[in-house]
Amino acid sequence: MTNPIMIRRHIFALALAVVVGMPTLATARTPRGRPITGIVQETNGQTREVEMRRTDTGATLSFVWSNRTIFVANRQVVDAAILKQGARVEVIYHRPFFGRPFVTKITLLSASANVPQNS
């Protein structure tokens, strides 16, 4: 006859071994965002949504900003008014498992950075 307490202990030990042996998923996703440069295509101030075309791939990227998002222009903190169509910006982009992609910082890049310099 098998002892029910021993069976429970074996099941518990097996479950504990499985949980401890699993790799953590947190190491697969960086907590810091990724810097991405692009051109603002469309902005909706009411919903705080931005559509941006990446300069490296040309792909369209959509994200939202929050009250915690920092806006920078000329090395000074400014408001969201810098997000105008055609503006060249660098964003710190986060893509969470759940919810919409968002940014924590948006930096307006100077217009001279758009023009290649000839030597």
PDB file of N, CA and C in Angstrom:
ATOM      1  N   MET A   1       0.832  -1.180   0.000  1.00  0.00           N
ATOM      2  CA  MET A   1       0.000   0.000   0.000  1.00  0.00           C
ATOM      3  C   MET A   1       0.881   1.250   0.000  1.00  0.00           C
ATOM      4  N   THR A   2       0.537   2.218  -0.824  1.00  0.00           N
ATOM      5  CA  THR A   2       1.334   3.441  -0.914  1.00  0.00           C
ATOM      6  C   THR A   2       0.795   4.481   0.043  1.00  0.00           C
ATOM      7  N   ASN A   3       1.708   5.210   0.570  1.00  0.00           N
ATOM      8  CA  ASN A   3       1.381   6.248   1.532  1.00  0.00           C
ATOM      9  C   ASN A   3       1.034   7.540   0.781  1.00  0.00           C
ATOM     10  N   PRO A   4      -0.168   8.125   0.993  1.00  0.00           N
ATOM     11  CA  PRO A   4      -0.545   9.358   0.290  1.00  0.00           C
ATOM     12  C   PRO A   4       0.376  10.538   0.599  1.00  0.00           C
ATOM     13  N   ILE A   5       0.931  10.574   1.777  1.00  0.00           N
ATOM     14  CA  ILE A   5       1.834  11.671   2.141  1.00  0.00           C
ATOM     15  C   ILE A   5       3.121  11.575   1.325  1.00  0.00           C
ATOM     16  N   MET A   6       3.616  10.373   1.132  1.00  0.00           N
ATOM     17  CA  MET A   6       4.836  10.183   0.334  1.00  0.00           C
ATOM     18  C   MET A   6       4.601  10.568  -1.130  1.00  0.00           C
ATOM     19  N   ILE A   7       3.421  10.241  -1.640  1.00  0.00           N
ATOM     20  CA  ILE A   7       3.089  10.607  -3.025  1.00  0.00           C
ATOM     21  C   ILE A   7       3.067  12.121  -3.171  1.00  0.00           C
ATOM     22  N   ARG A   8       2.466  12.810  -2.212  1.00  0.00           N
ATOM     23  CA  ARG A   8       2.410  14.275  -2.252  1.00  0.00           C
ATOM     24  C   ARG A   8       3.814  14.863  -2.206  1.00  0.00           C
ATOM     25  N   ARG A   9       4.688  14.311  -1.377  1.00  0.00           N
ATOM     26  CA  ARG A   9       6.061  14.808  -1.279  1.00  0.00           C
ATOM     27  C   ARG A   9       6.803  14.614  -2.602  1.00  0.00           C
ATOM     28  N   HIS A  10       6.598  13.482  -3.237  1.00  0.00           N
ATOM     29  CA  HIS A  10       7.245  13.228  -4.522  1.00  0.00           C
ATOM     30  C   HIS A  10       6.736  14.182  -5.600  1.00  0.00           C
ATOM     31  N   ILE A  11       5.439  14.419  -5.612  1.00  0.00           N
ATOM     32  CA  ILE A  11       4.861  15.357  -6.583  1.00  0.00           C
ATOM     33  C   ILE A  11       5.389  16.764  -6.328  1.00  0.00           C
ATOM     34  N   PHE A  12       5.449  17.149  -5.046  1.00  0.00           N
ATOM     35  CA  PHE A  12       5.968  18.470  -4.708  1.00  0.00           C
ATOM     36  C   PHE A  12       7.423  18.605  -5.139  1.00  0.00           C
ATOM     37  N   ALA A  13       8.237  17.586  -4.852  1.00  0.00           N
ATOM     38  CA  ALA A  13       9.648  17.618  -5.219  1.00  0.00           C
ATOM     39  C   ALA A  13       9.823  17.688  -6.733  1.00  0.00           C
ATOM     40  N   LEU A  14       9.013  16.949  -7.455  1.00  0.00           N
ATOM     41  CA  LEU A  14       9.072  16.973  -8.914  1.00  0.00           C
ATOM     42  C   LEU A  14       8.672  18.351  -9.461  1.00  0.00           C
ATOM     43  N   ALA A  15       7.601  18.915  -8.923  1.00  0.00           N
ATOM     44  CA  ALA A  15       7.155  20.244  -9.359  1.00  0.00           C
ATOM     45  C   ALA A  15       8.211  21.293  -9.050  1.00  0.00           C
ATOM     46  N   LEU A  16       8.825  21.209  -7.880  1.00  0.00           N
ATOM     47  CA  LEU A  16       9.869  22.160  -7.507  1.00  0.00           C
ATOM     48  C   LEU A  16      11.073  22.037  -8.435  1.00  0.00           C
ATOM     49  N   ALA A  17      11.446  20.835  -8.791  1.00  0.00           N
ATOM     50  CA  ALA A  17      12.571  20.618  -9.704  1.00  0.00           C
ATOM     51  C   ALA A  17      12.280  21.203 -11.086  1.00  0.00           C
ATOM     52  N   VAL A  18      11.054  21.071 -11.552  1.00  0.00           N
ATOM     53  CA  VAL A  18      10.685  21.615 -12.853  1.00  0.00           C
ATOM     54  C   VAL A  18      10.744  23.143 -12.835  1.00  0.00           C
ATOM     55  N   VAL A  19      10.207  23.753 -11.797  1.00  0.00           N
ATOM     56  CA  VAL A  19      10.187  25.214 -11.708  1.00  0.00           C
ATOM     57  C   VAL A  19      11.603  25.766 -11.587  1.00  0.00           C
ATOM     58  N   VAL A  20      12.417  25.170 -10.764  1.00  0.00           N
ATOM     59  CA  VAL A  20      13.789  25.642 -10.573  1.00  0.00           C
ATOM     60  C   VAL A  20      14.618  25.410 -11.835  1.00  0.00           C
ATOM     61  N   GLY A  21      14.327  24.352 -12.554  1.00  0.00           N
ATOM     62  CA  GLY A  21      15.095  24.037 -13.748  1.00  0.00           C
ATOM     63  C   GLY A  21      14.729  24.848 -14.969  1.00  0.00           C
ATOM     64  N   MET A  22      13.632  25.577 -14.930  1.00  0.00           N
ATOM     65  CA  MET A  22      13.210  26.387 -16.078  1.00  0.00           C
ATOM     66  C   MET A  22      14.104  27.614 -16.218  1.00  0.00           C
ATOM     67  N   PRO A  23      14.506  27.943 -17.422  1.00  0.00           N
ATOM     68  CA  PRO A  23      15.256  29.192 -17.596  1.00  0.00           C
ATOM     69  C   PRO A  23      14.319  30.377 -17.399  1.00  0.00           C
ATOM     70  N   THR A  24      14.858  31.451 -16.870  1.00  0.00           N
ATOM     71  CA  THR A  24      14.017  32.630 -16.654  1.00  0.00           C
ATOM     72  C   THR A  24      13.841  33.382 -17.962  1.00  0.00           C
ATOM     73  N   LEU A  25      12.640  33.804 -18.216  1.00  0.00           N
ATOM     74  CA  LEU A  25      12.341  34.556 -19.425  1.00  0.00           C
ATOM     75  C   LEU A  25      12.753  36.015 -19.303  1.00  0.00           C
ATOM     76  N   ALA A  26      12.949  36.482 -18.093  1.00  0.00           N
ATOM     77  CA  ALA A  26      13.304  37.887 -17.893  1.00  0.00           C
ATOM     78  C   ALA A  26      14.646  38.217 -18.530  1.00  0.00           C
ATOM     79  N   THR A  27      15.532  37.269 -18.618  1.00  0.00           N
ATOM     80  CA  THR A  27      16.830  37.564 -19.203  1.00  0.00           C
ATOM     81  C   THR A  27      16.749  37.677 -20.724  1.00  0.00           C
ATOM     82  N   ALA A  28      15.679  37.191 -21.316  1.00  0.00           N
ATOM     83  CA  ALA A  28      15.540  37.257 -22.762  1.00  0.00           C
ATOM     84  C   ALA A  28      15.108  38.644 -23.230  1.00  0.00           C
ATOM     85  N   ARG A  29      14.474  39.409 -22.392  1.00  0.00           N
ATOM     86  CA  ARG A  29      13.997  40.741 -22.751  1.00  0.00           C
ATOM     87  C   ARG A  29      14.770  41.781 -21.954  1.00  0.00           C
ATOM     88  N   THR A  30      15.309  42.733 -22.636  1.00  0.00           N
ATOM     89  CA  THR A  30      16.064  43.769 -21.953  1.00  0.00           C
ATOM     90  C   THR A  30      15.106  44.756 -21.268  1.00  0.00           C
ATOM     91  N   PRO A  31      15.388  45.151 -20.026  1.00  0.00           N
ATOM     92  CA  PRO A  31      14.521  46.116 -19.356  1.00  0.00           C
ATOM     93  C   PRO A  31      14.683  47.514 -19.924  1.00  0.00           C
ATOM     94  N   ARG A  32      15.835  47.765 -20.543  1.00  0.00           N
ATOM     95  CA  ARG A  32      16.051  49.061 -21.166  1.00  0.00           C
ATOM     96  C   ARG A  32      15.504  49.027 -22.585  1.00  0.00           C
ATOM     97  N   GLY A  33      15.034  50.151 -23.027  1.00  0.00           N
ATOM     98  CA  GLY A  33      14.520  50.232 -24.383  1.00  0.00           C
ATOM     99  C   GLY A  33      15.630  50.282 -25.406  1.00  0.00           C
ATOM    100  N   ARG A  34      15.230  50.186 -26.651  1.00  0.00           N
ATOM    101  CA  ARG A  34      16.195  50.230 -27.745  1.00  0.00           C
ATOM    102  C   ARG A  34      16.092  51.582 -28.444  1.00  0.00           C
ATOM    103  N   PRO A  35      17.238  52.223 -28.719  1.00  0.00           N
ATOM    104  CA  PRO A  35      17.186  53.495 -29.449  1.00  0.00           C
ATOM    105  C   PRO A  35      16.905  53.243 -30.925  1.00  0.00           C
ATOM    106  N   ILE A  36      15.931  53.959 -31.451  1.00  0.00           N
ATOM    107  CA  ILE A  36      15.557  53.843 -32.859  1.00  0.00           C
ATOM    108  C   ILE A  36      15.402  55.254 -33.415  1.00  0.00           C
ATOM    109  N   THR A  37      15.981  55.482 -34.579  1.00  0.00           N
ATOM    110  CA  THR A  37      15.893  56.783 -35.237  1.00  0.00           C
ATOM    111  C   THR A  37      14.905  56.697 -36.391  1.00  0.00           C
ATOM    112  N   GLY A  38      14.128  57.770 -36.564  1.00  0.00           N
ATOM    113  CA  GLY A  38      13.162  57.771 -37.646  1.00  0.00           C
ATOM    114  C   GLY A  38      12.564  59.137 -37.904  1.00  0.00           C
ATOM    115  N   ILE A  39      11.649  59.158 -38.864  1.00  0.00           N
ATOM    116  CA  ILE A  39      10.949  60.385 -39.267  1.00  0.00           C
ATOM    117  C   ILE A  39       9.489  60.239 -38.862  1.00  0.00           C
ATOM    118  N   VAL A  40       8.964  61.233 -38.143  1.00  0.00           N
ATOM    119  CA  VAL A  40       7.572  61.209 -37.713  1.00  0.00           C
ATOM    120  C   VAL A  40       6.667  61.312 -38.934  1.00  0.00           C
ATOM    121  N   GLN A  41       5.759  60.383 -39.082  1.00  0.00           N
ATOM    122  CA  GLN A  41       4.809  60.373 -40.192  1.00  0.00           C
ATOM    123  C   GLN A  41       3.462  60.950 -39.780  1.00  0.00           C
ATOM    124  N   GLU A  42       3.025  60.587 -38.577  1.00  0.00           N
ATOM    125  CA  GLU A  42       1.713  61.028 -38.108  1.00  0.00           C
ATOM    126  C   GLU A  42       1.703  61.047 -36.585  1.00  0.00           C
ATOM    127  N   THR A  43       1.010  62.042 -36.018  1.00  0.00           N
ATOM    128  CA  THR A  43       0.909  62.173 -34.569  1.00  0.00           C
ATOM    129  C   THR A  43      -0.535  62.448 -34.186  1.00  0.00           C
ATOM    130  N   ASN A  44      -1.018  61.786 -33.139  1.00  0.00           N
ATOM    131  CA  ASN A  44      -2.341  62.041 -32.598  1.00  0.00           C
ATOM    132  C   ASN A  44      -2.161  62.426 -31.138  1.00  0.00           C
ATOM    133  N   GLY A  45      -2.288  63.711 -30.836  1.00  0.00           N
ATOM    134  CA  GLY A  45      -2.080  64.222 -29.488  1.00  0.00           C
ATOM    135  C   GLY A  45      -3.110  63.751 -28.487  1.00  0.00           C
ATOM    136  N   GLN A  46      -4.342  63.503 -28.933  1.00  0.00           N
ATOM    137  CA  GLN A  46      -5.382  63.066 -28.010  1.00  0.00           C
ATOM    138  C   GLN A  46      -5.146  61.649 -27.506  1.00  0.00           C
ATOM    139  N   THR A  47      -4.734  60.755 -28.386  1.00  0.00           N
ATOM    140  CA  THR A  47      -4.487  59.364 -27.992  1.00  0.00           C
ATOM    141  C   THR A  47      -3.014  59.112 -27.690  1.00  0.00           C
ATOM    142  N   ARG A  48      -2.176  60.136 -27.900  1.00  0.00           N
ATOM    143  CA  ARG A  48      -0.732  60.051 -27.666  1.00  0.00           C
ATOM    144  C   ARG A  48      -0.085  58.946 -28.498  1.00  0.00           C
ATOM    145  N   GLU A  49      -0.534  58.841 -29.726  1.00  0.00           N
ATOM    146  CA  GLU A  49       0.006  57.841 -30.644  1.00  0.00           C
ATOM    147  C   GLU A  49       0.884  58.506 -31.696  1.00  0.00           C
ATOM    148  N   VAL A  50       1.938  57.809 -32.086  1.00  0.00           N
ATOM    149  CA  VAL A  50       2.848  58.301 -33.123  1.00  0.00           C
ATOM    150  C   VAL A  50       3.119  57.172 -34.106  1.00  0.00           C
ATOM    151  N   GLU A  51       3.154  57.546 -35.367  1.00  0.00           N
ATOM    152  CA  GLU A  51       3.588  56.621 -36.413  1.00  0.00           C
ATOM    153  C   GLU A  51       4.873  57.200 -36.975  1.00  0.00           C
ATOM    154  N   MET A  52       5.914  56.354 -37.025  1.00  0.00           N
ATOM    155  CA  MET A  52       7.230  56.810 -37.419  1.00  0.00           C
ATOM    156  C   MET A  52       7.816  55.838 -38.445  1.00  0.00           C
ATOM    157  N   ARG A  53       8.554  56.388 -39.432  1.00  0.00           N
ATOM    158  CA  ARG A  53       9.251  55.554 -40.411  1.00  0.00           C
ATOM    159  C   ARG A  53      10.707  55.448 -39.987  1.00  0.00           C
ATOM    160  N   ARG A  54      11.158  54.229 -39.743  1.00  0.00           N
ATOM    161  CA  ARG A  54      12.540  53.999 -39.317  1.00  0.00           C
ATOM    162  C   ARG A  54      13.510  54.398 -40.429  1.00  0.00           C
ATOM    163  N   THR A  55      14.604  55.050 -40.059  1.00  0.00           N
ATOM    164  CA  THR A  55      15.587  55.440 -41.068  1.00  0.00           C
ATOM    165  C   THR A  55      16.478  54.271 -41.473  1.00  0.00           C
ATOM    166  N   ASP A  56      16.637  53.279 -40.620  1.00  0.00           N
ATOM    167  CA  ASP A  56      17.522  52.159 -40.956  1.00  0.00           C
ATOM    168  C   ASP A  56      16.855  51.120 -41.855  1.00  0.00           C
ATOM    169  N   THR A  57      15.568  50.828 -41.631  1.00  0.00           N
ATOM    170  CA  THR A  57      14.893  49.789 -42.416  1.00  0.00           C
ATOM    171  C   THR A  57      13.784  50.330 -43.305  1.00  0.00           C
ATOM    172  N   GLY A  58      13.310  51.529 -43.012  1.00  0.00           N
ATOM    173  CA  GLY A  58      12.193  52.092 -43.772  1.00  0.00           C
ATOM    174  C   GLY A  58      10.838  51.566 -43.316  1.00  0.00           C
ATOM    175  N   ALA A  59      10.843  50.684 -42.332  1.00  0.00           N
ATOM    176  CA  ALA A  59       9.594  50.113 -41.819  1.00  0.00           C
ATOM    177  C   ALA A  59       8.847  51.139 -40.969  1.00  0.00           C
ATOM    178  N   THR A  60       7.533  51.010 -40.941  1.00  0.00           N
ATOM    179  CA  THR A  60       6.707  51.888 -40.125  1.00  0.00           C
ATOM    180  C   THR A  60       6.597  51.313 -38.725  1.00  0.00           C
ATOM    181  N   LEU A  61       6.699  52.190 -37.748  1.00  0.00           N
ATOM    182  CA  LEU A  61       6.681  51.816 -36.344  1.00  0.00           C
ATOM    183  C   LEU A  61       5.627  52.659 -35.654  1.00  0.00           C
ATOM    184  N   SER A  62       4.758  52.041 -34.862  1.00  0.00           N
ATOM    185  CA  SER A  62       3.738  52.772 -34.110  1.00  0.00           C
ATOM    186  C   SER A  62       3.995  52.596 -32.622  1.00  0.00           C
ATOM    187  N   PHE A  63       3.764  53.660 -31.864  1.00  0.00           N
ATOM    188  CA  PHE A  63       3.953  53.591 -30.413  1.00  0.00           C
ATOM    189  C   PHE A  63       3.133  54.689 -29.753  1.00  0.00           C
ATOM    190  N   VAL A  64       3.059  54.617 -28.430  1.00  0.00           N
ATOM    191  CA  VAL A  64       2.386  55.648 -27.639  1.00  0.00           C
ATOM    192  C   VAL A  64       3.392  56.239 -26.655  1.00  0.00           C
ATOM    193  N   TRP A  65       3.074  57.429 -26.140  1.00  0.00           N
ATOM    194  CA  TRP A  65       3.883  58.014 -25.082  1.00  0.00           C
ATOM    195  C   TRP A  65       2.989  58.233 -23.874  1.00  0.00           C
ATOM    196  N   SER A  66       3.608  58.387 -22.702  1.00  0.00           N
ATOM    197  CA  SER A  66       2.857  58.546 -21.460  1.00  0.00           C
ATOM    198  C   SER A  66       3.289  59.823 -20.744  1.00  0.00           C
ATOM    199  N   ASN A  67       2.762  60.020 -19.546  1.00  0.00           N
ATOM    200  CA  ASN A  67       3.154  61.177 -18.739  1.00  0.00           C
ATOM    201  C   ASN A  67       4.616  61.098 -18.319  1.00  0.00           C
ATOM    202  N   ARG A  68       5.170  59.900 -18.308  1.00  0.00           N
ATOM    203  CA  ARG A  68       6.560  59.714 -17.898  1.00  0.00           C
ATOM    204  C   ARG A  68       7.557  59.882 -19.045  1.00  0.00           C
ATOM    205  N   THR A  69       7.076  59.988 -20.265  1.00  0.00           N
ATOM    206  CA  THR A  69       7.965  60.141 -21.414  1.00  0.00           C
ATOM    207  C   THR A  69       8.663  61.493 -21.355  1.00  0.00           C
ATOM    208  N   ILE A  70       9.952  61.483 -21.628  1.00  0.00           N
ATOM    209  CA  ILE A  70      10.757  62.705 -21.629  1.00  0.00           C
ATOM    210  C   ILE A  70      10.974  63.134 -23.076  1.00  0.00           C
ATOM    211  N   PHE A  71      10.732  64.409 -23.358  1.00  0.00           N
ATOM    212  CA  PHE A  71      10.934  64.989 -24.683  1.00  0.00           C
ATOM    213  C   PHE A  71      12.134  65.934 -24.599  1.00  0.00           C
ATOM    214  N   VAL A  72      13.078  65.774 -25.526  1.00  0.00           N
ATOM    215  CA  VAL A  72      14.303  66.570 -25.486  1.00  0.00           C
ATOM    216  C   VAL A  72      14.526  67.219 -26.847  1.00  0.00           C
ATOM    217  N   ALA A  73      14.883  68.516 -26.815  1.00  0.00           N
ATOM    218  CA  ALA A  73      15.268  69.250 -28.020  1.00  0.00           C
ATOM    219  C   ALA A  73      16.346  70.243 -27.613  1.00  0.00           C
ATOM    220  N   ASN A  74      17.429  70.286 -28.378  1.00  0.00           N
ATOM    221  CA  ASN A  74      18.554  71.187 -28.080  1.00  0.00           C
ATOM    222  C   ASN A  74      19.062  70.997 -26.649  1.00  0.00           C
ATOM    223  N   ARG A  75      19.127  69.739 -26.211  1.00  0.00           N
ATOM    224  CA  ARG A  75      19.613  69.359 -24.874  1.00  0.00           C
ATOM    225  C   ARG A  75      18.781  69.922 -23.741  1.00  0.00           C
ATOM    226  N   GLN A  76      17.530  70.264 -24.021  1.00  0.00           N
ATOM    227  CA  GLN A  76      16.627  70.765 -22.984  1.00  0.00           C
ATOM    228  C   GLN A  76      15.342  69.969 -23.012  1.00  0.00           C
ATOM    229  N   VAL A  77      14.746  69.796 -21.842  1.00  0.00           N
ATOM    230  CA  VAL A  77      13.471  69.098 -21.759  1.00  0.00           C
ATOM    231  C   VAL A  77      12.375  70.029 -22.276  1.00  0.00           C
ATOM    232  N   VAL A  78      11.571  69.507 -23.185  1.00  0.00           N
ATOM    233  CA  VAL A  78      10.479  70.279 -23.796  1.00  0.00           C
ATOM    234  C   VAL A  78       9.200  69.462 -23.701  1.00  0.00           C
ATOM    235  N   ASP A  79       8.139  69.937 -24.363  1.00  0.00           N
ATOM    236  CA  ASP A  79       6.886  69.178 -24.342  1.00  0.00           C
ATOM    237  C   ASP A  79       6.688  68.431 -25.660  1.00  0.00           C
ATOM    238  N   ALA A  80       5.555  67.766 -25.776  1.00  0.00           N
ATOM    239  CA  ALA A  80       5.272  66.907 -26.929  1.00  0.00           C
ATOM    240  C   ALA A  80       5.075  67.679 -28.229  1.00  0.00           C
ATOM    241  N   ALA A  81       5.114  68.995 -28.179  1.00  0.00           N
ATOM    242  CA  ALA A  81       4.917  69.802 -29.387  1.00  0.00           C
ATOM    243  C   ALA A  81       6.014  69.573 -30.429  1.00  0.00           C
ATOM    244  N   ILE A  82       7.119  68.957 -30.043  1.00  0.00           N
ATOM    245  CA  ILE A  82       8.195  68.688 -31.010  1.00  0.00           C
ATOM    246  C   ILE A  82       7.810  67.590 -31.997  1.00  0.00           C
ATOM    247  N   LEU A  83       6.769  66.841 -31.689  1.00  0.00           N
ATOM    248  CA  LEU A  83       6.353  65.726 -32.553  1.00  0.00           C
ATOM    249  C   LEU A  83       5.489  66.236 -33.699  1.00  0.00           C
ATOM    250  N   LYS A  84       6.154  66.676 -34.726  1.00  0.00           N
ATOM    251  CA  LYS A  84       5.448  67.172 -35.913  1.00  0.00           C
ATOM    252  C   LYS A  84       5.815  66.299 -37.094  1.00  0.00           C
ATOM    253  N   GLN A  85       4.929  66.243 -38.053  1.00  0.00           N
ATOM    254  CA  GLN A  85       5.182  65.450 -39.252  1.00  0.00           C
ATOM    255  C   GLN A  85       6.480  65.899 -39.909  1.00  0.00           C
ATOM    256  N   GLY A  86       7.346  64.933 -40.223  1.00  0.00           N
ATOM    257  CA  GLY A  86       8.619  65.223 -40.862  1.00  0.00           C
ATOM    258  C   GLY A  86       9.774  65.424 -39.898  1.00  0.00           C
ATOM    259  N   ALA A  87       9.493  65.475 -38.601  1.00  0.00           N
ATOM    260  CA  ALA A  87      10.563  65.663 -37.622  1.00  0.00           C
ATOM    261  C   ALA A  87      11.417  64.402 -37.537  1.00  0.00           C
ATOM    262  N   ARG A  88      12.735  64.602 -37.486  1.00  0.00           N
ATOM    263  CA  ARG A  88      13.649  63.464 -37.328  1.00  0.00           C
ATOM    264  C   ARG A  88      13.918  63.304 -35.843  1.00  0.00           C
ATOM    265  N   VAL A  89      13.597  62.125 -35.299  1.00  0.00           N
ATOM    266  CA  VAL A  89      13.701  61.893 -33.870  1.00  0.00           C
ATOM    267  C   VAL A  89      14.415  60.577 -33.569  1.00  0.00           C
ATOM    268  N   GLU A  90      14.938  60.499 -32.362  1.00  0.00           N
ATOM    269  CA  GLU A  90      15.435  59.229 -31.829  1.00  0.00           C
ATOM    270  C   GLU A  90      14.566  58.912 -30.626  1.00  0.00           C
ATOM    271  N   VAL A  91      14.047  57.699 -30.576  1.00  0.00           N
ATOM    272  CA  VAL A  91      13.184  57.284 -29.475  1.00  0.00           C
ATOM    273  C   VAL A  91      13.825  56.117 -28.736  1.00  0.00           C
ATOM    274  N   ILE A  92      13.498  56.003 -27.466  1.00  0.00           N
ATOM    275  CA  ILE A  92      13.861  54.821 -26.689  1.00  0.00           C
ATOM    276  C   ILE A  92      12.596  53.968 -26.659  1.00  0.00           C
ATOM    277  N   TYR A  93      12.619  52.905 -27.437  1.00  0.00           N
ATOM    278  CA  TYR A  93      11.445  52.100 -27.778  1.00  0.00           C
ATOM    279  C   TYR A  93      11.379  50.837 -26.927  1.00  0.00           C
ATOM    280  N   HIS A  94      10.195  50.578 -26.380  1.00  0.00           N
ATOM    281  CA  HIS A  94       9.946  49.373 -25.580  1.00  0.00           C
ATOM    282  C   HIS A  94       8.792  48.602 -26.206  1.00  0.00           C
ATOM    283  N   ARG A  95       8.973  47.296 -26.317  1.00  0.00           N
ATOM    284  CA  ARG A  95       7.909  46.433 -26.845  1.00  0.00           C
ATOM    285  C   ARG A  95       7.608  45.377 -25.781  1.00  0.00           C
ATOM    286  N   PRO A  96       6.595  45.641 -24.920  1.00  0.00           N
ATOM    287  CA  PRO A  96       6.290  44.706 -23.832  1.00  0.00           C
ATOM    288  C   PRO A  96       5.574  43.448 -24.338  1.00  0.00           C
ATOM    289  N   PHE A  97       5.571  42.412 -23.510  1.00  0.00           N
ATOM    290  CA  PHE A  97       4.845  41.190 -23.853  1.00  0.00           C
ATOM    291  C   PHE A  97       3.358  41.488 -24.000  1.00  0.00           C
ATOM    292  N   PHE A  98       2.832  42.304 -23.083  1.00  0.00           N
ATOM    293  CA  PHE A  98       1.419  42.663 -23.100  1.00  0.00           C
ATOM    294  C   PHE A  98       1.302  44.171 -23.221  1.00  0.00           C
ATOM    295  N   GLY A  99       0.316  44.624 -23.940  1.00  0.00           N
ATOM    296  CA  GLY A  99       0.121  46.055 -24.111  1.00  0.00           C
ATOM    297  C   GLY A  99       0.784  46.562 -25.384  1.00  0.00           C
ATOM    298  N   ARG A 100       0.656  47.849 -25.572  1.00  0.00           N
ATOM    299  CA  ARG A 100       1.150  48.484 -26.789  1.00  0.00           C
ATOM    300  C   ARG A 100       2.602  48.905 -26.641  1.00  0.00           C
ATOM    301  N   PRO A 101       3.334  48.953 -27.751  1.00  0.00           N
ATOM    302  CA  PRO A 101       4.696  49.483 -27.704  1.00  0.00           C
ATOM    303  C   PRO A 101       4.659  50.944 -27.238  1.00  0.00           C
ATOM    304  N   PHE A 102       5.673  51.334 -26.468  1.00  0.00           N
ATOM    305  CA  PHE A 102       5.714  52.693 -25.941  1.00  0.00           C
ATOM    306  C   PHE A 102       7.146  53.200 -25.947  1.00  0.00           C
ATOM    307  N   VAL A 103       7.289  54.504 -25.735  1.00  0.00           N
ATOM    308  CA  VAL A 103       8.611  55.114 -25.662  1.00  0.00           C
ATOM    309  C   VAL A 103       8.768  55.822 -24.326  1.00  0.00           C
ATOM    310  N   THR A 104      10.017  55.869 -23.847  1.00  0.00           N
ATOM    311  CA  THR A 104      10.301  56.559 -22.589  1.00  0.00           C
ATOM    312  C   THR A 104      11.046  57.866 -22.808  1.00  0.00           C
ATOM    313  N   LYS A 105      11.617  58.030 -24.017  1.00  0.00           N
ATOM    314  CA  LYS A 105      12.322  59.271 -24.321  1.00  0.00           C
ATOM    315  C   LYS A 105      12.252  59.519 -25.815  1.00  0.00           C
ATOM    316  N   ILE A 106      12.011  60.773 -26.179  1.00  0.00           N
ATOM    317  CA  ILE A 106      11.988  61.186 -27.582  1.00  0.00           C
ATOM    318  C   ILE A 106      12.907  62.393 -27.707  1.00  0.00           C
ATOM    319  N   THR A 107      13.917  62.256 -28.554  1.00  0.00           N
ATOM    320  CA  THR A 107      14.884  63.339 -28.759  1.00  0.00           C
ATOM    321  C   THR A 107      14.759  63.859 -30.180  1.00  0.00           C
ATOM    322  N   LEU A 108      14.520  65.155 -30.310  1.00  0.00           N
ATOM    323  CA  LEU A 108      14.472  65.792 -31.617  1.00  0.00           C
ATOM    324  C   LEU A 108      15.904  65.957 -32.102  1.00  0.00           C
ATOM    325  N   LEU A 109      16.189  65.402 -33.281  1.00  0.00           N
ATOM    326  CA  LEU A 109      17.532  65.506 -33.852  1.00  0.00           C
ATOM    327  C   LEU A 109      17.606  66.757 -34.707  1.00  0.00           C
ATOM    328  N   SER A 110      18.763  67.362 -34.763  1.00  0.00           N
ATOM    329  CA  SER A 110      18.911  68.624 -35.489  1.00  0.00           C
ATOM    330  C   SER A 110      18.688  68.418 -36.977  1.00  0.00           C
ATOM    331  N   ALA A 111      18.238  69.465 -37.636  1.00  0.00           N
ATOM    332  CA  ALA A 111      17.962  69.407 -39.065  1.00  0.00           C
ATOM    333  C   ALA A 111      19.248  69.177 -39.843  1.00  0.00           C
ATOM    334  N   SER A 112      20.384  69.635 -39.328  1.00  0.00           N
ATOM    335  CA  SER A 112      21.642  69.453 -40.033  1.00  0.00           C
ATOM    336  C   SER A 112      22.057  67.983 -40.082  1.00  0.00           C
ATOM    337  N   ALA A 113      21.519  67.170 -39.162  1.00  0.00           N
ATOM    338  CA  ALA A 113      21.822  65.746 -39.166  1.00  0.00           C
ATOM    339  C   ALA A 113      21.148  65.043 -40.337  1.00  0.00           C
ATOM    340  N   ASN A 114      20.131  65.675 -40.934  1.00  0.00           N
ATOM    341  CA  ASN A 114      19.436  65.082 -42.064  1.00  0.00           C
ATOM    342  C   ASN A 114      20.212  65.228 -43.364  1.00  0.00           C
ATOM    343  N   VAL A 115      21.051  66.255 -43.451  1.00  0.00           N
ATOM    344  CA  VAL A 115      21.748  66.563 -44.683  1.00  0.00           C
ATOM    345  C   VAL A 115      23.136  65.967 -44.652  1.00  0.00           C
ATOM    346  N   PRO A 116      23.480  65.099 -45.597  1.00  0.00           N
ATOM    347  CA  PRO A 116      24.837  64.556 -45.621  1.00  0.00           C
ATOM    348  C   PRO A 116      25.843  65.649 -45.949  1.00  0.00           C
ATOM    349  N   GLN A 117      26.971  65.631 -45.260  1.00  0.00           N
ATOM    350  CA  GLN A 117      27.994  66.646 -45.487  1.00  0.00           C
ATOM    351  C   GLN A 117      29.009  66.148 -46.506  1.00  0.00           C
ATOM    352  N   ASN A 118      29.338  67.005 -47.476  1.00  0.00           N
ATOM    353  CA  ASN A 118      30.319  66.665 -48.499  1.00  0.00           C
ATOM    354  C   ASN A 118      31.675  67.213 -48.080  1.00  0.00           C
ATOM    355  N   SER A 119      32.707  66.374 -48.190  1.00  0.00           N
ATOM    356  CA  SER A 119      34.048  66.816 -47.807  1.00  0.00           C
ATOM    357  C   SER A 119      34.846  67.188 -49.020  1.00  0.00           C
TER     358      SER A 119
END
